[in-house]
Amino acid sequence: MGEQHSVKFPQEVIDEYASLGVDLPSLFSAGHLGTRMGVQIVEASAERVVATMPVEGNTQPYGLLHGGASAVLAETLGSVGAMLHGGSKKLAVGVDLNCTHHRGARSGLVTGVATPVHRGRSTATYEIVISDEQGRRVCSARLTCMLRDVPAEGAPEPAGADG
């Protein structure tokens, strides 16, 4: 879980953030929760986000992948896609997550793939398919994120969705 890996970003996204003085590949992660759960993002663009997560350590008492773990993976991937769609001037805040669990997984890795359903100016919706190592669908999810303007430095945070 602690090994270094490199996320594949489109060059224009790297260039956009670099122009703001941000080294996107070195700063990018699945967040503290995603890191604790072993989420490894493999590929990231506004068109497709791919990551893996181990089943081990993310199970419920029956030894199956916890539905909440699938939800964390789904929200992570959809949020990353929405963030990349919104660009450096927007913050992506999840406002609706729906998960349908189709089958259990007891071991190995699951892989999540997020693709856009809608990419607008103020919202972005992603479908996330989570599959086991045999390619069988474990979970189907949909995440909608609100795209908020990045607050001006020193300006108070606007009221609204917490995320």
N, C-alpha and C. Protein backbone atom coordinates (compact mmCIF):
# COMPACT_ATOMS: atom_id res chain seq x y z
N MET A 1 0.82 -1.19 0.00
CA MET A 1 0.00 0.00 0.00
C MET A 1 0.86 1.25 0.00
N GLY A 2 2.10 1.19 0.51
CA GLY A 2 2.91 2.38 0.59
C GLY A 2 3.78 2.64 -0.62
N GLU A 3 3.77 1.77 -1.63
CA GLU A 3 4.65 1.96 -2.77
C GLU A 3 4.22 3.16 -3.61
N GLN A 4 5.22 3.75 -4.28
CA GLN A 4 4.96 4.90 -5.15
C GLN A 4 4.40 4.41 -6.48
N HIS A 5 3.52 5.15 -7.05
CA HIS A 5 3.03 4.85 -8.39
C HIS A 5 2.75 6.16 -9.10
N SER A 6 2.62 6.08 -10.39
CA SER A 6 2.43 7.27 -11.19
C SER A 6 1.07 7.23 -11.85
N VAL A 7 0.32 8.32 -11.70
CA VAL A 7 -0.99 8.43 -12.33
C VAL A 7 -0.78 8.98 -13.73
N LYS A 8 -1.48 8.40 -14.70
CA LYS A 8 -1.40 8.87 -16.08
C LYS A 8 -2.42 9.98 -16.28
N PHE A 9 -1.94 11.23 -16.51
CA PHE A 9 -2.79 12.39 -16.77
C PHE A 9 -2.60 12.83 -18.22
N PRO A 10 -3.63 13.42 -18.84
CA PRO A 10 -3.43 14.04 -20.15
C PRO A 10 -2.44 15.21 -20.01
N GLN A 11 -1.56 15.38 -20.99
CA GLN A 11 -0.53 16.41 -20.92
C GLN A 11 -1.13 17.81 -20.76
N GLU A 12 -2.28 18.09 -21.41
CA GLU A 12 -2.86 19.44 -21.30
C GLU A 12 -3.32 19.74 -19.88
N VAL A 13 -3.72 18.72 -19.13
CA VAL A 13 -4.12 18.91 -17.73
C VAL A 13 -2.88 19.21 -16.89
N ILE A 14 -1.83 18.45 -17.11
CA ILE A 14 -0.57 18.70 -16.39
C ILE A 14 -0.09 20.12 -16.67
N ASP A 15 -0.15 20.54 -17.95
CA ASP A 15 0.31 21.88 -18.33
C ASP A 15 -0.54 22.97 -17.68
N GLU A 16 -1.88 22.76 -17.62
CA GLU A 16 -2.77 23.76 -17.01
C GLU A 16 -2.39 24.00 -15.55
N TYR A 17 -2.21 22.91 -14.80
CA TYR A 17 -1.87 23.05 -13.39
C TYR A 17 -0.44 23.55 -13.20
N ALA A 18 0.47 23.15 -14.09
CA ALA A 18 1.85 23.62 -14.01
C ALA A 18 1.92 25.14 -14.20
N SER A 19 1.05 25.69 -15.06
CA SER A 19 1.04 27.14 -15.28
C SER A 19 0.63 27.89 -14.01
N LEU A 20 -0.02 27.19 -13.08
CA LEU A 20 -0.41 27.79 -11.80
C LEU A 20 0.59 27.46 -10.70
N GLY A 21 1.69 26.79 -11.09
CA GLY A 21 2.71 26.43 -10.11
C GLY A 21 2.40 25.17 -9.34
N VAL A 22 1.49 24.33 -9.86
CA VAL A 22 1.09 23.11 -9.17
C VAL A 22 1.63 21.91 -9.94
N ASP A 23 2.40 21.05 -9.25
CA ASP A 23 2.89 19.81 -9.84
C ASP A 23 1.83 18.73 -9.58
N LEU A 24 0.86 18.65 -10.49
CA LEU A 24 -0.30 17.78 -10.32
C LEU A 24 0.08 16.33 -10.06
N PRO A 25 0.96 15.71 -10.84
CA PRO A 25 1.27 14.29 -10.58
C PRO A 25 1.82 14.04 -9.18
N SER A 26 2.64 14.96 -8.65
CA SER A 26 3.22 14.70 -7.33
C SER A 26 2.22 14.97 -6.21
N LEU A 27 1.25 15.84 -6.43
CA LEU A 27 0.28 16.17 -5.38
C LEU A 27 -0.96 15.28 -5.41
N PHE A 28 -1.19 14.61 -6.52
CA PHE A 28 -2.43 13.87 -6.72
C PHE A 28 -2.49 12.62 -5.85
N SER A 29 -3.64 12.39 -5.23
CA SER A 29 -3.84 11.16 -4.46
C SER A 29 -5.33 10.87 -4.37
N ALA A 30 -5.66 9.76 -3.75
CA ALA A 30 -7.04 9.39 -3.52
C ALA A 30 -7.56 9.98 -2.22
N GLY A 31 -6.79 10.86 -1.59
CA GLY A 31 -7.19 11.45 -0.32
C GLY A 31 -6.83 10.53 0.83
N HIS A 32 -6.97 11.02 2.05
CA HIS A 32 -6.59 10.24 3.22
C HIS A 32 -7.39 8.94 3.34
N LEU A 33 -8.70 9.01 3.15
CA LEU A 33 -9.53 7.81 3.27
C LEU A 33 -9.18 6.81 2.17
N GLY A 34 -9.08 7.29 0.94
CA GLY A 34 -8.73 6.40 -0.16
C GLY A 34 -7.37 5.74 0.04
N THR A 35 -6.42 6.51 0.58
CA THR A 35 -5.09 5.96 0.85
C THR A 35 -5.17 4.87 1.90
N ARG A 36 -5.92 5.10 2.99
CA ARG A 36 -6.08 4.08 4.04
C ARG A 36 -6.71 2.81 3.48
N MET A 37 -7.56 2.96 2.48
CA MET A 37 -8.26 1.80 1.91
C MET A 37 -7.48 1.15 0.77
N GLY A 38 -6.34 1.71 0.41
CA GLY A 38 -5.51 1.12 -0.62
C GLY A 38 -5.91 1.47 -2.03
N VAL A 39 -6.68 2.54 -2.22
CA VAL A 39 -7.08 2.95 -3.56
C VAL A 39 -5.84 3.43 -4.32
N GLN A 40 -5.63 2.88 -5.50
CA GLN A 40 -4.52 3.26 -6.37
C GLN A 40 -5.09 3.77 -7.69
N ILE A 41 -4.98 5.06 -7.93
CA ILE A 41 -5.47 5.62 -9.19
C ILE A 41 -4.43 5.35 -10.27
N VAL A 42 -4.89 4.77 -11.37
CA VAL A 42 -4.02 4.34 -12.45
C VAL A 42 -4.04 5.33 -13.60
N GLU A 43 -5.21 5.86 -13.89
CA GLU A 43 -5.40 6.74 -15.05
C GLU A 43 -6.43 7.79 -14.66
N ALA A 44 -6.20 9.04 -15.07
CA ALA A 44 -7.14 10.09 -14.70
C ALA A 44 -7.25 11.14 -15.79
N SER A 45 -8.46 11.31 -16.30
CA SER A 45 -8.80 12.39 -17.22
C SER A 45 -10.27 12.68 -17.02
N ALA A 46 -10.77 13.76 -17.59
CA ALA A 46 -12.19 14.08 -17.48
C ALA A 46 -13.05 13.03 -18.19
N GLU A 47 -12.46 12.30 -19.14
CA GLU A 47 -13.20 11.29 -19.90
C GLU A 47 -13.19 9.90 -19.27
N ARG A 48 -12.19 9.63 -18.41
CA ARG A 48 -12.07 8.27 -17.85
C ARG A 48 -11.12 8.31 -16.66
N VAL A 49 -11.58 7.74 -15.54
CA VAL A 49 -10.74 7.60 -14.36
C VAL A 49 -10.75 6.13 -13.96
N VAL A 50 -9.58 5.56 -13.74
CA VAL A 50 -9.46 4.13 -13.41
C VAL A 50 -8.64 3.99 -12.14
N ALA A 51 -9.10 3.11 -11.23
CA ALA A 51 -8.36 2.84 -10.01
C ALA A 51 -8.64 1.42 -9.54
N THR A 52 -7.74 0.91 -8.71
CA THR A 52 -7.93 -0.39 -8.08
C THR A 52 -8.01 -0.20 -6.57
N MET A 53 -8.59 -1.21 -5.91
CA MET A 53 -8.67 -1.22 -4.45
C MET A 53 -8.66 -2.68 -4.00
N PRO A 54 -7.87 -3.02 -2.97
CA PRO A 54 -7.87 -4.40 -2.49
C PRO A 54 -9.16 -4.71 -1.72
N VAL A 55 -9.61 -5.94 -1.84
CA VAL A 55 -10.76 -6.38 -1.04
C VAL A 55 -10.30 -6.56 0.40
N GLU A 56 -9.14 -7.16 0.58
CA GLU A 56 -8.61 -7.40 1.92
C GLU A 56 -8.47 -6.08 2.67
N GLY A 57 -8.98 -6.05 3.90
CA GLY A 57 -8.94 -4.84 4.70
C GLY A 57 -10.14 -3.93 4.50
N ASN A 58 -10.98 -4.27 3.51
CA ASN A 58 -12.16 -3.46 3.19
C ASN A 58 -13.42 -4.32 3.18
N THR A 59 -13.48 -5.27 4.12
CA THR A 59 -14.61 -6.21 4.15
C THR A 59 -15.54 -5.94 5.33
N GLN A 60 -16.75 -6.51 5.20
CA GLN A 60 -17.71 -6.48 6.30
C GLN A 60 -17.58 -7.79 7.09
N PRO A 61 -18.35 -7.98 8.17
CA PRO A 61 -18.16 -9.15 9.02
C PRO A 61 -18.30 -10.51 8.32
N TYR A 62 -18.99 -10.59 7.20
CA TYR A 62 -19.12 -11.86 6.48
C TYR A 62 -17.95 -12.15 5.55
N GLY A 63 -16.97 -11.24 5.51
CA GLY A 63 -15.80 -11.44 4.67
C GLY A 63 -15.96 -10.95 3.25
N LEU A 64 -17.06 -10.26 2.97
CA LEU A 64 -17.30 -9.71 1.63
C LEU A 64 -16.86 -8.25 1.58
N LEU A 65 -16.52 -7.78 0.38
CA LEU A 65 -16.21 -6.37 0.19
C LEU A 65 -17.35 -5.53 0.76
N HIS A 66 -17.04 -4.60 1.62
CA HIS A 66 -18.04 -3.75 2.26
C HIS A 66 -18.65 -2.82 1.21
N GLY A 67 -19.97 -2.67 1.22
CA GLY A 67 -20.62 -1.76 0.29
C GLY A 67 -20.14 -0.33 0.44
N GLY A 68 -19.80 0.06 1.66
CA GLY A 68 -19.27 1.40 1.89
C GLY A 68 -17.90 1.57 1.25
N ALA A 69 -17.12 0.50 1.17
CA ALA A 69 -15.82 0.57 0.49
C ALA A 69 -16.03 0.81 -1.00
N SER A 70 -17.01 0.13 -1.58
CA SER A 70 -17.33 0.37 -2.99
C SER A 70 -17.78 1.81 -3.19
N ALA A 71 -18.54 2.34 -2.24
CA ALA A 71 -19.01 3.73 -2.34
C ALA A 71 -17.83 4.71 -2.26
N VAL A 72 -16.85 4.42 -1.41
CA VAL A 72 -15.66 5.28 -1.32
C VAL A 72 -14.91 5.27 -2.64
N LEU A 73 -14.72 4.08 -3.22
CA LEU A 73 -14.04 3.98 -4.51
C LEU A 73 -14.81 4.75 -5.58
N ALA A 74 -16.13 4.56 -5.62
CA ALA A 74 -16.95 5.25 -6.63
C ALA A 74 -16.89 6.76 -6.46
N GLU A 75 -17.05 7.26 -5.24
CA GLU A 75 -17.03 8.71 -5.04
C GLU A 75 -15.66 9.29 -5.34
N THR A 76 -14.61 8.57 -5.01
CA THR A 76 -13.26 9.03 -5.33
C THR A 76 -13.10 9.20 -6.84
N LEU A 77 -13.48 8.18 -7.61
CA LEU A 77 -13.28 8.22 -9.06
C LEU A 77 -14.15 9.29 -9.72
N GLY A 78 -15.43 9.34 -9.35
CA GLY A 78 -16.31 10.35 -9.92
C GLY A 78 -15.88 11.76 -9.58
N SER A 79 -15.39 11.97 -8.35
CA SER A 79 -14.94 13.30 -7.93
C SER A 79 -13.69 13.72 -8.69
N VAL A 80 -12.79 12.77 -8.91
CA VAL A 80 -11.57 13.08 -9.68
C VAL A 80 -11.95 13.48 -11.10
N GLY A 81 -12.84 12.72 -11.73
CA GLY A 81 -13.28 13.06 -13.08
C GLY A 81 -13.93 14.43 -13.13
N ALA A 82 -14.80 14.72 -12.16
CA ALA A 82 -15.47 16.03 -12.12
C ALA A 82 -14.47 17.15 -11.88
N MET A 83 -13.49 16.92 -11.02
CA MET A 83 -12.46 17.92 -10.76
C MET A 83 -11.67 18.21 -12.03
N LEU A 84 -11.32 17.17 -12.76
CA LEU A 84 -10.56 17.38 -13.99
C LEU A 84 -11.42 18.04 -15.07
N HIS A 85 -12.71 17.72 -15.10
CA HIS A 85 -13.62 18.40 -16.03
C HIS A 85 -13.73 19.89 -15.69
N GLY A 86 -13.90 20.20 -14.41
CA GLY A 86 -14.06 21.58 -13.98
C GLY A 86 -12.81 22.42 -14.17
N GLY A 87 -11.66 21.79 -14.13
CA GLY A 87 -10.40 22.51 -14.31
C GLY A 87 -9.94 23.19 -13.04
N SER A 88 -8.87 23.92 -13.16
CA SER A 88 -8.19 24.51 -12.00
C SER A 88 -8.98 25.63 -11.33
N LYS A 89 -10.01 26.14 -11.96
CA LYS A 89 -10.79 27.25 -11.39
C LYS A 89 -12.06 26.77 -10.67
N LYS A 90 -12.28 25.45 -10.61
CA LYS A 90 -13.49 24.90 -9.99
C LYS A 90 -13.13 23.86 -8.92
N LEU A 91 -14.02 23.74 -7.94
CA LEU A 91 -13.96 22.69 -6.93
C LEU A 91 -15.12 21.74 -7.19
N ALA A 92 -14.86 20.44 -7.16
CA ALA A 92 -15.92 19.45 -7.34
C ALA A 92 -16.38 18.98 -5.96
N VAL A 93 -17.68 19.08 -5.71
CA VAL A 93 -18.25 18.68 -4.42
C VAL A 93 -19.36 17.66 -4.69
N GLY A 94 -19.21 16.45 -4.18
CA GLY A 94 -20.22 15.42 -4.38
C GLY A 94 -21.53 15.81 -3.71
N VAL A 95 -22.64 15.69 -4.45
CA VAL A 95 -23.96 16.02 -3.89
C VAL A 95 -24.93 14.85 -3.96
N ASP A 96 -24.64 13.83 -4.76
CA ASP A 96 -25.53 12.67 -4.84
C ASP A 96 -24.72 11.46 -5.25
N LEU A 97 -24.84 10.38 -4.48
CA LEU A 97 -24.16 9.11 -4.79
C LEU A 97 -25.17 7.99 -4.68
N ASN A 98 -25.23 7.16 -5.71
CA ASN A 98 -26.12 6.00 -5.73
C ASN A 98 -25.29 4.79 -6.08
N CYS A 99 -25.40 3.73 -5.27
CA CYS A 99 -24.65 2.49 -5.53
C CYS A 99 -25.60 1.30 -5.53
N THR A 100 -25.47 0.45 -6.52
CA THR A 100 -26.18 -0.82 -6.57
C THR A 100 -25.13 -1.93 -6.52
N HIS A 101 -25.24 -2.80 -5.52
CA HIS A 101 -24.28 -3.88 -5.31
C HIS A 101 -24.83 -5.15 -5.95
N HIS A 102 -24.09 -5.70 -6.92
CA HIS A 102 -24.57 -6.84 -7.70
C HIS A 102 -24.08 -8.18 -7.19
N ARG A 103 -22.85 -8.24 -6.71
CA ARG A 103 -22.28 -9.51 -6.25
C ARG A 103 -21.20 -9.21 -5.24
N GLY A 104 -20.87 -10.21 -4.45
CA GLY A 104 -19.82 -10.05 -3.45
C GLY A 104 -18.45 -10.33 -4.03
N ALA A 105 -17.43 -9.81 -3.36
CA ALA A 105 -16.04 -10.12 -3.67
C ALA A 105 -15.37 -10.44 -2.34
N ARG A 106 -14.59 -11.54 -2.31
CA ARG A 106 -13.95 -11.98 -1.07
C ARG A 106 -12.45 -11.79 -1.06
N SER A 107 -11.84 -11.60 -2.22
CA SER A 107 -10.38 -11.48 -2.26
C SER A 107 -9.96 -10.75 -3.53
N GLY A 108 -8.66 -10.47 -3.58
CA GLY A 108 -8.10 -9.84 -4.78
C GLY A 108 -8.33 -8.34 -4.81
N LEU A 109 -8.29 -7.82 -6.04
CA LEU A 109 -8.50 -6.40 -6.27
C LEU A 109 -9.81 -6.19 -7.00
N VAL A 110 -10.45 -5.07 -6.73
CA VAL A 110 -11.55 -4.63 -7.58
C VAL A 110 -11.04 -3.42 -8.36
N THR A 111 -11.59 -3.23 -9.54
CA THR A 111 -11.20 -2.11 -10.39
C THR A 111 -12.43 -1.26 -10.67
N GLY A 112 -12.29 0.04 -10.49
CA GLY A 112 -13.36 0.98 -10.79
C GLY A 112 -13.01 1.80 -12.01
N VAL A 113 -14.00 1.99 -12.87
CA VAL A 113 -13.84 2.82 -14.06
C VAL A 113 -14.97 3.84 -14.08
N ALA A 114 -14.62 5.12 -14.06
CA ALA A 114 -15.61 6.20 -14.09
C ALA A 114 -15.61 6.84 -15.47
N THR A 115 -16.81 7.01 -16.02
CA THR A 115 -16.97 7.69 -17.30
C THR A 115 -18.11 8.71 -17.16
N PRO A 116 -18.02 9.83 -17.89
CA PRO A 116 -19.03 10.87 -17.72
C PRO A 116 -20.37 10.51 -18.33
N VAL A 117 -21.42 10.90 -17.63
CA VAL A 117 -22.79 10.83 -18.13
C VAL A 117 -23.20 12.23 -18.58
N HIS A 118 -22.78 13.24 -17.79
CA HIS A 118 -23.08 14.65 -18.07
C HIS A 118 -21.92 15.49 -17.56
N ARG A 119 -21.46 16.43 -18.39
CA ARG A 119 -20.42 17.37 -17.96
C ARG A 119 -20.86 18.77 -18.34
N GLY A 120 -21.39 19.47 -17.35
CA GLY A 120 -21.89 20.82 -17.59
C GLY A 120 -21.04 21.87 -16.92
N ARG A 121 -21.57 23.12 -16.88
CA ARG A 121 -20.84 24.22 -16.24
C ARG A 121 -20.94 24.17 -14.72
N SER A 122 -22.07 23.69 -14.19
CA SER A 122 -22.25 23.71 -12.74
C SER A 122 -22.37 22.33 -12.11
N THR A 123 -22.55 21.29 -12.91
CA THR A 123 -22.60 19.92 -12.38
C THR A 123 -21.90 18.97 -13.34
N ALA A 124 -21.46 17.86 -12.78
CA ALA A 124 -20.89 16.77 -13.58
C ALA A 124 -21.36 15.46 -12.96
N THR A 125 -21.82 14.53 -13.80
CA THR A 125 -22.30 13.23 -13.33
C THR A 125 -21.47 12.14 -14.00
N TYR A 126 -21.01 11.20 -13.18
CA TYR A 126 -20.20 10.09 -13.66
C TYR A 126 -20.83 8.75 -13.29
N GLU A 127 -20.74 7.80 -14.22
CA GLU A 127 -21.10 6.41 -13.95
C GLU A 127 -19.81 5.69 -13.58
N ILE A 128 -19.87 4.90 -12.53
CA ILE A 128 -18.70 4.17 -12.07
C ILE A 128 -19.06 2.69 -12.04
N VAL A 129 -18.28 1.87 -12.74
CA VAL A 129 -18.46 0.43 -12.77
C VAL A 129 -17.30 -0.19 -12.01
N ILE A 130 -17.62 -0.98 -10.99
CA ILE A 130 -16.60 -1.66 -10.19
C ILE A 130 -16.70 -3.15 -10.49
N SER A 131 -15.56 -3.73 -10.89
CA SER A 131 -15.53 -5.14 -11.30
C SER A 131 -14.48 -5.89 -10.51
N ASP A 132 -14.67 -7.22 -10.41
CA ASP A 132 -13.66 -8.06 -9.76
C ASP A 132 -12.59 -8.47 -10.76
N GLU A 133 -11.64 -9.28 -10.32
CA GLU A 133 -10.52 -9.65 -11.19
C GLU A 133 -10.93 -10.53 -12.36
N GLN A 134 -12.12 -11.12 -12.29
CA GLN A 134 -12.64 -11.91 -13.41
C GLN A 134 -13.48 -11.05 -14.36
N GLY A 135 -13.54 -9.76 -14.11
CA GLY A 135 -14.30 -8.85 -14.97
C GLY A 135 -15.79 -8.84 -14.69
N ARG A 136 -16.21 -9.46 -13.58
CA ARG A 136 -17.63 -9.48 -13.22
C ARG A 136 -17.97 -8.21 -12.45
N ARG A 137 -19.12 -7.62 -12.80
CA ARG A 137 -19.55 -6.37 -12.17
C ARG A 137 -19.95 -6.64 -10.72
N VAL A 138 -19.30 -5.91 -9.83
CA VAL A 138 -19.57 -6.00 -8.39
C VAL A 138 -20.55 -4.90 -7.98
N CYS A 139 -20.38 -3.72 -8.58
CA CYS A 139 -21.18 -2.56 -8.18
C CYS A 139 -21.32 -1.60 -9.36
N SER A 140 -22.50 -1.01 -9.49
CA SER A 140 -22.73 0.09 -10.43
C SER A 140 -23.06 1.31 -9.59
N ALA A 141 -22.42 2.43 -9.89
CA ALA A 141 -22.65 3.64 -9.10
C ALA A 141 -22.79 4.83 -10.03
N ARG A 142 -23.40 5.87 -9.49
CA ARG A 142 -23.53 7.14 -10.20
C ARG A 142 -23.27 8.25 -9.18
N LEU A 143 -22.40 9.18 -9.54
CA LEU A 143 -22.08 10.31 -8.67
C LEU A 143 -22.32 11.60 -9.42
N THR A 144 -23.02 12.54 -8.77
CA THR A 144 -23.16 13.89 -9.31
C THR A 144 -22.40 14.84 -8.39
N CYS A 145 -21.57 15.66 -9.00
CA CYS A 145 -20.81 16.68 -8.27
C CYS A 145 -21.26 18.06 -8.71
N MET A 146 -21.35 18.96 -7.74
CA MET A 146 -21.56 20.37 -8.03
C MET A 146 -20.17 20.96 -8.28
N LEU A 147 -20.07 21.82 -9.29
CA LEU A 147 -18.81 22.49 -9.60
C LEU A 147 -18.89 23.92 -9.09
N ARG A 148 -18.11 24.22 -8.06
CA ARG A 148 -18.11 25.54 -7.45
C ARG A 148 -16.86 26.30 -7.85
N ASP A 149 -16.98 27.61 -7.96
CA ASP A 149 -15.81 28.43 -8.24
C ASP A 149 -14.84 28.34 -7.07
N VAL A 150 -13.56 28.29 -7.37
CA VAL A 150 -12.54 28.33 -6.33
C VAL A 150 -12.61 29.71 -5.69
N PRO A 151 -12.74 29.80 -4.36
CA PRO A 151 -12.84 31.11 -3.74
C PRO A 151 -11.56 31.92 -3.93
N ALA A 152 -11.72 33.23 -4.09
CA ALA A 152 -10.56 34.12 -4.20
C ALA A 152 -9.79 34.04 -2.89
N GLU A 153 -8.48 34.14 -2.97
CA GLU A 153 -7.65 34.05 -1.78
C GLU A 153 -8.07 35.11 -0.77
N GLY A 154 -8.33 34.66 0.46
CA GLY A 154 -8.75 35.57 1.51
C GLY A 154 -10.24 35.81 1.57
N ALA A 155 -10.99 35.36 0.55
CA ALA A 155 -12.44 35.56 0.54
C ALA A 155 -13.09 34.50 1.43
N PRO A 156 -14.20 34.83 2.10
CA PRO A 156 -14.89 33.81 2.89
C PRO A 156 -15.50 32.75 2.00
N GLU A 157 -15.58 31.51 2.50
CA GLU A 157 -16.22 30.41 1.78
C GLU A 157 -17.70 30.72 1.60
N PRO A 158 -18.25 30.54 0.39
CA PRO A 158 -19.68 30.74 0.23
C PRO A 158 -20.49 29.65 0.95
N ALA A 159 -21.67 29.99 1.38
CA ALA A 159 -22.55 29.01 2.02
C ALA A 159 -22.99 27.99 0.97
N GLY A 160 -23.26 26.79 1.38
CA GLY A 160 -23.74 25.79 0.42
C GLY A 160 -23.28 24.42 0.81
N ALA A 161 -23.16 23.56 -0.18
CA ALA A 161 -22.82 22.16 0.07
C ALA A 161 -21.47 22.05 0.76
N ASP A 162 -21.42 21.26 1.79
CA ASP A 162 -20.15 20.97 2.46
C ASP A 162 -19.59 19.72 1.81
N GLY A 163 -18.35 19.66 1.62
CA GLY A 163 -17.83 18.47 0.99
C GLY A 163 -16.43 18.33 1.21
